[in-house]
């Protein structure tokens, strides 16, 4: 994780929207962490949009910018809870499926319909909460474009990026949270699709890390009951 780059990006968003109060910056950072660094432009989250808000009247307890942030956060909480399930059971099951994926499985996905079905099968609770048209169009197109941009085998690269974007946001390839993934992507083409296999391994490491975090969060919650 590039903490400095991530913090700078959060401050850039805060300045862009004129949301400079500490609680607003913290709110934007939380949304970036859970939805991806460009959540506010991501077709998967059309409810997470902001505008440039007017300067604050500091006699107001809740200025327009903070009221809007609370509305977005309310929608985010519903999405988060429905996608993750009680005690994170949905998320944990999905991440375990990612860890079990074999590289050969990717080679069998030859059509967009097959890719979408595979994504839905590994995390159905998240899939149904996202705009289906955005997944079929903008997100699939973004995955294809990024596959070409990073010199991946076109179809396998599209599958990998579809999974990465679905899990980590439309700008996963430049997200400061995933600096090691970015370094792997920036390497030149490697024979035998070893670059593609490395990216799949990164996806599995992310899944394993998230499973560990979920287990620790669950245990911490149980210890306080």
Protein backbone atom coordinates (compact mmCIF):
# COMPACT_ATOMS: atom_id res chain seq x y z
CA UNK A 1 0.00 0.00 0.00
CA UNK A 2 1.27 3.44 -0.95
CA UNK A 3 -0.12 5.37 2.02
CA UNK A 4 1.22 8.73 0.88
CA UNK A 5 -0.21 8.36 -2.62
CA UNK A 6 -3.54 7.20 -1.21
CA UNK A 7 -3.76 10.13 1.21
CA UNK A 8 -2.85 12.60 -1.54
CA UNK A 9 -5.57 11.22 -3.78
CA UNK A 10 -8.12 11.52 -0.98
CA UNK A 11 -7.16 15.16 -0.42
CA UNK A 12 -7.43 15.85 -4.15
CA UNK A 13 -11.00 14.55 -4.07
CA UNK A 14 -11.77 16.62 -0.97
CA UNK A 15 -10.51 19.76 -2.72
CA UNK A 16 -12.37 18.90 -5.92
CA UNK A 17 -15.69 18.67 -4.06
CA UNK A 18 -14.87 21.39 -1.49
CA UNK A 19 -15.30 18.83 1.30
CA UNK A 20 -12.40 19.82 3.51
CA UNK A 21 -13.80 19.31 7.00
CA UNK A 22 -12.05 16.46 8.81
CA UNK A 23 -15.19 14.33 9.01
CA UNK A 24 -15.75 14.75 5.27
CA UNK A 25 -12.18 13.85 4.32
CA UNK A 26 -12.38 10.80 6.60
CA UNK A 27 -15.66 9.79 4.99
CA UNK A 28 -14.19 10.03 1.48
CA UNK A 29 -11.17 8.00 2.58
CA UNK A 30 -13.40 5.26 3.99
CA UNK A 31 -15.35 5.04 0.73
CA UNK A 32 -12.10 4.88 -1.22
CA UNK A 33 -10.88 2.05 0.99
CA UNK A 34 -13.96 -0.11 0.59
CA UNK A 35 -15.11 0.75 -2.95
CA UNK A 36 -11.88 1.68 -4.73
CA UNK A 37 -9.91 4.87 -5.20
CA UNK A 38 -12.23 6.21 -7.93
CA UNK A 39 -15.52 5.05 -6.42
CA UNK A 40 -17.02 8.45 -7.25
CA UNK A 41 -16.63 7.75 -10.99
CA UNK A 42 -17.14 3.99 -10.93
CA UNK A 43 -20.13 2.77 -13.02
CA UNK A 44 -20.73 0.07 -10.40
CA UNK A 45 -21.65 2.69 -7.78
CA UNK A 46 -23.88 5.30 -9.46
CA UNK A 47 -25.25 6.29 -6.02
CA UNK A 48 -21.79 7.49 -4.92
CA UNK A 49 -21.63 10.76 -6.84
CA UNK A 50 -20.58 14.17 -5.58
CA UNK A 51 -20.50 17.72 -6.90
CA UNK A 52 -18.49 20.74 -5.90
CA UNK A 53 -20.29 22.07 -2.84
CA UNK A 54 -20.46 25.76 -1.83
CA UNK A 55 -18.22 27.15 0.87
CA UNK A 56 -19.46 26.32 4.33
CA UNK A 57 -21.30 28.63 6.63
CA UNK A 58 -19.65 27.66 9.89
CA UNK A 59 -22.80 28.52 11.79
CA UNK A 60 -24.35 25.42 10.20
CA UNK A 61 -24.06 22.16 12.09
CA UNK A 62 -24.66 20.06 8.98
CA UNK A 63 -23.73 21.84 5.73
CA UNK A 64 -24.98 20.56 2.40
CA UNK A 65 -21.76 18.67 1.71
CA UNK A 66 -21.97 16.66 4.94
CA UNK A 67 -25.69 15.94 4.50
CA UNK A 68 -24.95 14.52 1.05
CA UNK A 69 -22.04 12.47 2.40
CA UNK A 70 -24.36 10.96 5.00
CA UNK A 71 -26.84 9.98 2.27
CA UNK A 72 -24.08 8.28 0.29
CA UNK A 73 -22.83 6.57 3.43
CA UNK A 74 -26.31 5.29 4.23
CA UNK A 75 -26.48 3.71 0.77
CA UNK A 76 -22.98 2.34 1.18
CA UNK A 77 -23.84 0.67 4.51
CA UNK A 78 -26.80 -1.12 2.91
CA UNK A 79 -24.59 -2.30 0.07
CA UNK A 80 -21.80 -3.38 2.42
CA UNK A 81 -24.07 -5.30 4.78
CA UNK A 82 -26.02 -7.03 2.01
CA UNK A 83 -22.86 -7.99 0.11
CA UNK A 84 -20.89 -9.22 3.11
CA UNK A 85 -23.65 -10.94 5.04
CA UNK A 86 -23.89 -11.66 8.74
CA UNK A 87 -20.41 -12.08 10.22
CA UNK A 88 -19.03 -11.56 6.68
CA UNK A 89 -20.18 -15.04 5.65
CA UNK A 90 -20.91 -14.08 2.01
CA UNK A 91 -17.62 -12.26 1.54
CA UNK A 92 -15.59 -14.99 3.16
CA UNK A 93 -17.19 -17.70 1.01
CA UNK A 94 -16.52 -15.66 -2.15
CA UNK A 95 -12.90 -15.04 -1.24
CA UNK A 96 -12.37 -18.73 -0.56
CA UNK A 97 -13.69 -19.45 -4.06
CA UNK A 98 -11.17 -16.99 -5.52
CA UNK A 99 -8.35 -18.76 -3.68
CA UNK A 100 -9.46 -22.05 -5.26
CA UNK A 101 -9.39 -20.79 -8.85
CA UNK A 102 -6.91 -22.50 -11.16
CA UNK A 103 -5.29 -20.77 -14.10
CA UNK A 104 -6.79 -23.36 -16.46
CA UNK A 105 -10.25 -22.22 -15.34
CA UNK A 106 -9.61 -18.81 -16.91
CA UNK A 107 -8.78 -20.34 -20.29
CA UNK A 108 -12.26 -21.88 -20.51
CA UNK A 109 -14.01 -18.48 -20.37
CA UNK A 110 -14.26 -17.46 -24.01
CA UNK A 111 -17.33 -15.21 -24.15
CA UNK A 112 -18.54 -12.18 -22.20
CA UNK A 113 -21.55 -14.19 -21.02
CA UNK A 114 -19.27 -16.89 -19.62
CA UNK A 115 -17.14 -14.28 -17.83
CA UNK A 116 -20.20 -12.65 -16.26
CA UNK A 117 -21.58 -16.02 -15.16
CA UNK A 118 -18.23 -16.89 -13.55
CA UNK A 119 -18.14 -13.59 -11.67
CA UNK A 120 -21.73 -14.07 -10.53
CA UNK A 121 -21.06 -17.64 -9.39
CA UNK A 122 -18.11 -16.71 -7.20
CA UNK A 123 -19.85 -13.80 -5.44
CA UNK A 124 -23.60 -13.76 -6.21
CA UNK A 125 -24.54 -11.53 -3.26
CA UNK A 126 -22.33 -8.70 -4.54
CA UNK A 127 -23.20 -9.30 -8.19
CA UNK A 128 -26.94 -8.77 -7.76
CA UNK A 129 -26.35 -5.43 -6.01
CA UNK A 130 -24.46 -3.92 -8.95
CA UNK A 131 -26.04 -2.40 -12.08
CA UNK A 132 -26.22 -5.25 -14.58
CA UNK A 133 -25.98 -2.97 -17.60
CA UNK A 134 -22.80 -1.38 -16.20
CA UNK A 135 -21.22 -4.81 -15.71
CA UNK A 136 -22.09 -5.90 -19.24
CA UNK A 137 -20.99 -2.68 -20.89
CA UNK A 138 -18.69 -0.19 -19.12
CA UNK A 139 -16.96 -2.67 -16.81
CA UNK A 140 -16.48 -5.34 -19.49
CA UNK A 141 -15.15 -2.68 -21.87
CA UNK A 142 -12.80 -1.35 -19.19
CA UNK A 143 -11.50 -4.88 -18.55
CA UNK A 144 -10.85 -5.41 -22.25
CA UNK A 145 -9.12 -2.03 -22.61
CA UNK A 146 -6.85 -2.63 -19.61
CA UNK A 147 -5.95 -6.11 -20.86
CA UNK A 148 -4.68 -4.58 -24.10
CA UNK A 149 -3.02 -1.65 -22.32
CA UNK A 150 -0.91 -3.95 -20.15
CA UNK A 151 0.06 -6.37 -22.97
CA UNK A 152 -1.83 -9.33 -21.55
CA UNK A 153 -3.22 -12.20 -23.57
CA UNK A 154 -6.46 -10.48 -24.66
CA UNK A 155 -9.09 -12.93 -23.40
CA UNK A 156 -7.32 -14.12 -20.25
CA UNK A 157 -6.43 -10.51 -19.45
CA UNK A 158 -10.05 -9.48 -19.81
CA UNK A 159 -11.11 -12.24 -17.41
CA UNK A 160 -8.48 -11.20 -14.86
CA UNK A 161 -9.36 -7.53 -15.05
CA UNK A 162 -13.07 -8.25 -14.85
CA UNK A 163 -12.43 -10.07 -11.57
CA UNK A 164 -10.09 -7.36 -10.27
CA UNK A 165 -12.45 -4.51 -11.12
CA UNK A 166 -15.46 -6.39 -9.74
CA UNK A 167 -13.66 -6.88 -6.42
CA UNK A 168 -11.53 -3.73 -6.11
CA UNK A 169 -13.00 -0.99 -8.29
CA UNK A 170 -12.67 0.31 -11.82
CA UNK A 171 -9.27 1.93 -11.18
CA UNK A 172 -7.68 -1.07 -9.48
CA UNK A 173 -4.64 -0.84 -11.77
CA UNK A 174 -3.71 2.63 -10.47
CA UNK A 175 -5.11 2.37 -6.95
CA UNK A 176 -2.39 3.22 -4.37
CA UNK A 177 -3.81 0.44 -2.18
CA UNK A 178 -2.55 -2.14 -4.68
CA UNK A 179 0.97 -0.93 -5.43
CA UNK A 180 2.40 -4.45 -5.85
CA UNK A 181 -0.24 -5.31 -8.43
CA UNK A 182 0.61 -2.11 -10.31
CA UNK A 183 4.30 -3.05 -10.43
CA UNK A 184 3.45 -6.45 -11.89
CA UNK A 185 1.20 -4.91 -14.51
CA UNK A 186 3.87 -2.45 -15.61
CA UNK A 187 6.33 -5.22 -16.50
CA UNK A 188 6.67 -6.06 -20.18
CA UNK A 189 5.17 -9.14 -21.83
CA UNK A 190 6.44 -12.46 -20.45
CA UNK A 191 6.30 -15.76 -22.34
CA UNK A 192 4.01 -18.58 -21.36
CA UNK A 193 1.47 -16.19 -19.86
CA UNK A 194 3.59 -15.98 -16.71
CA UNK A 195 2.57 -12.35 -16.28
CA UNK A 196 -1.08 -13.37 -16.31
CA UNK A 197 -0.37 -16.11 -13.77
CA UNK A 198 1.40 -13.59 -11.55
CA UNK A 199 -1.64 -11.32 -11.65
CA UNK A 200 -3.90 -14.24 -10.71
CA UNK A 201 -1.58 -14.93 -7.78
CA UNK A 202 -1.91 -11.27 -6.72
CA UNK A 203 -5.68 -11.67 -6.79
CA UNK A 204 -5.39 -14.76 -4.59
CA UNK A 205 -3.10 -12.95 -2.16
CA UNK A 206 -5.63 -10.12 -1.91
CA UNK A 207 -8.36 -12.69 -1.25
CA UNK A 208 -6.27 -14.46 1.39
CA UNK A 209 -5.47 -11.17 3.12
CA UNK A 210 -9.13 -10.20 3.17
CA UNK A 211 -10.13 -13.59 4.57
CA UNK A 212 -7.59 -13.15 7.35
CA UNK A 213 -8.90 -9.64 8.09
CA UNK A 214 -12.47 -10.94 8.16
CA UNK A 215 -11.56 -13.74 10.57
CA UNK A 216 -9.73 -11.31 12.86
CA UNK A 217 -12.69 -8.89 12.78
CA UNK A 218 -15.11 -11.71 13.58
CA UNK A 219 -12.98 -12.93 16.49
CA UNK A 220 -12.61 -9.40 17.82
CA UNK A 221 -16.38 -8.98 17.70
CA UNK A 222 -16.97 -12.27 19.51
CA UNK A 223 -14.49 -11.36 22.24
CA UNK A 224 -16.53 -8.26 23.08
CA UNK A 225 -19.86 -10.05 23.33
